[in-house]
Amino acid sequence: MIEAFYSTLAADSALLALIGGTSSDPRIYPDVAPQDTAAPFIVYHISHDGSRDELIEDTTVTVNVYADTVALSESISYRLKTLLDT
């Protein structure tokens, strides 16, 4: 799941354009961004409820958008919603 989530975001050229990402540094980080990372960027956290042995597991994905302006934050958030609603 984690790989699919990350791959979906990192492969989207529209999202990367919004956050200034590249194929070598998509600016999408698990759990915490590197120190002194300038906005805009995305940080995500995936948590699981239940043991790995269960057939059904609840998964929660938290996505934080960091941007210098509200307008850019909204644009990034809208693009994320579009990607993740599929």
Protein backbone atom coordinates (compact mmCIF):
# COMPACT_ATOMS: atom_id res chain seq x y z
CA MET A 1 0.00 0.00 0.00
CA ILE A 2 2.72 2.45 0.95
CA GLU A 3 4.58 1.95 -2.31
CA ALA A 4 1.39 2.35 -4.37
CA PHE A 5 0.43 5.54 -2.51
CA TYR A 6 3.86 7.10 -2.98
CA SER A 7 4.13 5.96 -6.60
CA THR A 8 0.76 7.48 -7.47
CA LEU A 9 1.82 10.87 -6.12
CA ALA A 10 5.40 10.84 -7.39
CA ALA A 11 4.33 9.86 -10.93
CA ASP A 12 1.88 12.75 -11.35
CA SER A 13 3.48 15.56 -13.38
CA ALA A 14 0.81 18.10 -12.41
CA LEU A 15 1.43 17.52 -8.69
CA LEU A 16 5.19 17.63 -9.13
CA ALA A 17 4.89 20.91 -11.02
CA LEU A 18 2.92 22.41 -8.12
CA ILE A 19 5.46 21.40 -5.49
CA GLY A 20 8.58 21.86 -7.61
CA GLY A 21 9.37 18.16 -7.55
CA THR A 22 11.53 16.21 -9.94
CA SER A 23 11.95 12.51 -10.65
CA SER A 24 15.05 12.44 -8.42
CA ASP A 25 13.44 14.55 -5.65
CA PRO A 26 9.65 14.59 -5.87
CA ARG A 27 9.42 16.57 -2.57
CA ILE A 28 7.03 13.96 -1.11
CA TYR A 29 8.28 12.60 2.20
CA PRO A 30 7.18 9.84 4.59
CA ASP A 31 6.63 11.02 8.18
CA VAL A 32 8.97 14.03 8.18
CA ALA A 33 10.68 16.26 5.61
CA PRO A 34 14.44 16.73 5.74
CA GLN A 35 15.49 19.62 7.94
CA ASP A 36 15.50 23.01 6.18
CA THR A 37 13.27 21.81 3.32
CA ALA A 38 11.73 24.89 1.73
CA ALA A 39 8.03 24.91 0.93
CA PRO A 40 6.18 23.65 -1.01
CA PHE A 41 6.35 19.97 -0.17
CA ILE A 42 4.17 17.09 1.06
CA VAL A 43 4.58 14.89 4.13
CA TYR A 44 2.49 11.75 4.54
CA HIS A 45 2.01 9.21 7.31
CA ILE A 46 0.34 5.83 6.95
CA SER A 47 -0.89 4.08 10.07
CA HIS A 48 -2.50 0.67 10.44
CA ASP A 49 -5.08 -0.47 12.95
CA GLY A 50 -4.94 -4.19 13.50
CA SER A 51 -2.33 -6.87 13.28
CA ARG A 52 -0.61 -7.77 10.04
CA ASP A 53 -2.16 -11.26 10.36
CA GLU A 54 -5.72 -10.00 10.01
CA LEU A 55 -7.46 -10.20 6.65
CA ILE A 56 -9.12 -6.83 7.16
CA GLU A 57 -7.05 -3.93 8.34
CA ASP A 58 -7.98 -0.29 8.79
CA THR A 59 -5.46 2.06 7.25
CA THR A 60 -5.32 5.80 7.83
CA VAL A 61 -3.34 8.11 5.58
CA THR A 62 -2.55 11.60 6.83
CA VAL A 63 -1.25 14.04 4.22
CA ASN A 64 0.14 17.43 5.18
CA VAL A 65 0.74 20.11 2.56
CA TYR A 66 3.30 22.80 3.26
CA ALA A 67 3.17 25.89 1.03
CA ASP A 68 3.97 29.59 1.27
CA THR A 69 0.49 30.75 0.26
CA VAL A 70 -3.06 29.60 0.88
CA ALA A 71 -3.73 29.58 -2.85
CA LEU A 72 -0.83 27.21 -3.54
CA SER A 73 -1.82 24.99 -0.61
CA GLU A 74 -5.35 24.77 -1.98
CA SER A 75 -4.08 23.95 -5.48
CA ILE A 76 -1.87 21.17 -4.15
CA SER A 77 -4.68 19.85 -1.94
CA TYR A 78 -7.12 19.85 -4.86
CA ARG A 79 -4.67 17.90 -7.00
CA LEU A 80 -4.13 15.38 -4.19
CA LYS A 81 -7.88 14.93 -3.83
CA THR A 82 -8.20 14.34 -7.58
CA LEU A 83 -5.42 11.73 -7.52
CA LEU A 84 -6.65 9.91 -4.44
CA ASP A 85 -10.36 9.85 -5.34
CA THR A 86 -9.72 7.48 -8.24
